[in-house]
Structures are given as C-alpha cells and as structure tokens.
C-alpha cells in the first residue's frame, strides 16, 4: 500500500499575540512597554551618534575643500552643527585654561621683593598672637632633590606622558635653605607651627622638634608596632623604612621587620590615598590654625583634603606657589616664586640669621656617612636574601664582620 504524504505545517517562530475577550489584542504590559521604549531610544541614540560622527568628520575638512554633498549635509543639520562647534570651542577653552593653570610662572625680582616685604610685615604682626603657621607641600622640598607631583617635571605630570620619575633615597637628601629658615624663624618666635604634607622628614632634620611639626601624611623615618597592646607605640629610624619593604603596592604597610618588644610586625606610618589621617595629628593641626592669625602656604597646590581646608581656619592666608591654586582669589596675597627665595628674603627683612646645615647634628646624615665609610673600607658584602632580591627597592646590604 502506498502511504499518502502528510502535508507539512509551517510553524511560526513567534508566539501568536494574546487575544482579548472580544478578539482584539490584549493591552501591552508595563514590562513590554519599557522594553519597546528602550529599544526605540537605543536606535535613536545610535542614529544620533552616527550623524554626529559624520558631521564632525566634515567639520575637520577645510571649508574650501568640502564637496557639495558635505556642504548640503551641514546645512540640513544646522542645529547639530552649532551644538558641535560650541562643544568643541568649550573643550578648547577648558584645555587652554588647564594648560595655563599648570604652568609654572615666576614673578619678577622687583615684584617678589615688594611682596616679601609685605609678608614680613604680616609675620611681624602675627608675633603678638604666638606667630604664624606654615603649611608646606612637595614644592617646599624640590630644592633638596625630592620631586613634586604636579610640576613641569612632577611625578604625575611625567607619568601622564608615559615617563617614570625616579624617587631619590630620602636619607641622602639634605634640608634646604627654606627648611633652615623655618628653624631660625621659630627660634626668634615668629613661626608657631609647621603643618606639612611631606613625608621626607626634612623639617626635623633641619632642627625642628617633633612637637612643632604636624606630619599629616606621616614620615618615612618612623614605623609603628602592629600590636595594639604592645608598649612600643612608635619607633624613629635613621633610614627610610619603606625602601626595603618585601612588597610594593598601595595600602601595604608592613616593612618586613619585627618589634623587639613583642615580635609583631612593624608598619610604616605613611598615609596613602583613601586612607584616614591620624586623629591626633589632624586635631592638633586644626587647633594651631584656629589660634593663629596668619597661615602661610608654600609649595602646595591645595588640592588634597583635608590639608587644603586647614589654611582657611586662620584669619589671613598668603600663598607662595609657582602654579595656580583654587584659593588664590581668597588669599591676602599670592607670590609666584620659589620657596627658598621667599623664605630667605623674609628672614632678611626680619633681621633673622639663617643657620648653615650641619650634617654632624643630623642623625640620618651621620648614619649615611658611616655606611659610606664602611662600604669604602670593606669590599665584601653579605649576599642578598631571597626576600631582598624580590623587593622592588632592596635595602642596602650590610657589610660582613
């Protein structure tokens, strides 16, 4: 018997629409409506982006070299062309403003001389209230060989260009004239306190005691015990405690050394981005700023909180920085000059003698000198351990006995 071929039935890939009671289509659900509107908006956005790209390419062509079709395209979408041209001009103006603000500009010698004389008068007047508060940033230590961050050759500026700025060994950096001027101003009761964002410890190495300096971001010459119950709270070192760490990275503070008292891990006290400042240090810095009538800001762009809020606590502010800062308009005076030149000129107006740096009084410098003498007399060195070889900046090898 011959089987009859069964007819093929076509199957629709999409389900049939849901019909209502009277045979019409069911009302659209909220979810389906949102999906449909999202698809329509996405298609419109793609069409708008494609048209925007076509118009931008045509605008890049000189007007004399455009074809008739390109000219008619611009005329047909005149409103979009006006918006694109306005955004391009705004972007160009913002770029020019950013370039101007990041430039390092130095005033003439006559202008600096007049402003430093005025600054000396303000400092002399603040003496009745205990003296002025000095706020220092990375630009205060550039003369010592420590790079800044936002300068022409700063760390972040060169990193944006794909270049690396090597950091010097902090032990081999010496205090500058500006650091020594701080010591002289405090000895003559003009300087009350120093609030610094630097971690190089140059203020103390110049001769200021620890109680006169509020190191907001810590110091590379101090480390603390990880055990909260340990009697050892903080240890001062004559070497950079971060240079020989067995690892490298943000928010990693273990130095690889153990506490002599309890055996727990020792950590550096450097504050990284996103970390909390020590409450006691910040509280003291705020207190001295509130009590002082004058805050002198030197070598910082005042962009990092909460350090940028502290100078505003004083009645008057004077800013000394080569670059633009957001607080220039509210400051009593702005000086575009180098920190060393300003501090020496102020000391001259106040009849203050700036001392000469004596490495013999600096414990860090004495340690560096001893290491150099030992390395010059003994040629044999102990081999580096596996931990030191894997470190990014291995510490200096100890000489053999």
Foldseek 3Di string as FASTA:
>chain_A
DDDDDDDDDDDDPDDDADADPVGHGDDDDPVNVVVVVVVVVVVVVVVVVVLLVLLVVLVVDDPVPDDPVNVVSCVVPVVSNVVVVVVVVVVVVVVVVVVQQLAFAADDPVVLLVVLLVVLVVLVVQLVLQAAEEEEEQLQQVVQVAAAARHPPHQVNVVVVVDHDDGDFLLNGAADLLLLLQVLCVVVRSYRAYEYQDQSCRNVLSPDDPVRYQHFFYHQQKKAFPDPPFPTGMDGHLGRLQQAALDDDPPDFFSPDADPGPRGTIGGRGHDPPDDTDPVSVVVLQVVLLSTQEYEYEHDQLPDPPSSVRNVNHNAYEYEDRGHHPCCVVHPYYHSHRSSVSSVSSCVSVVTDRDDNDLVVRPSSVVVVVVVVVCVVAPDFDDDDPSQVSDPRRDDTDRDD
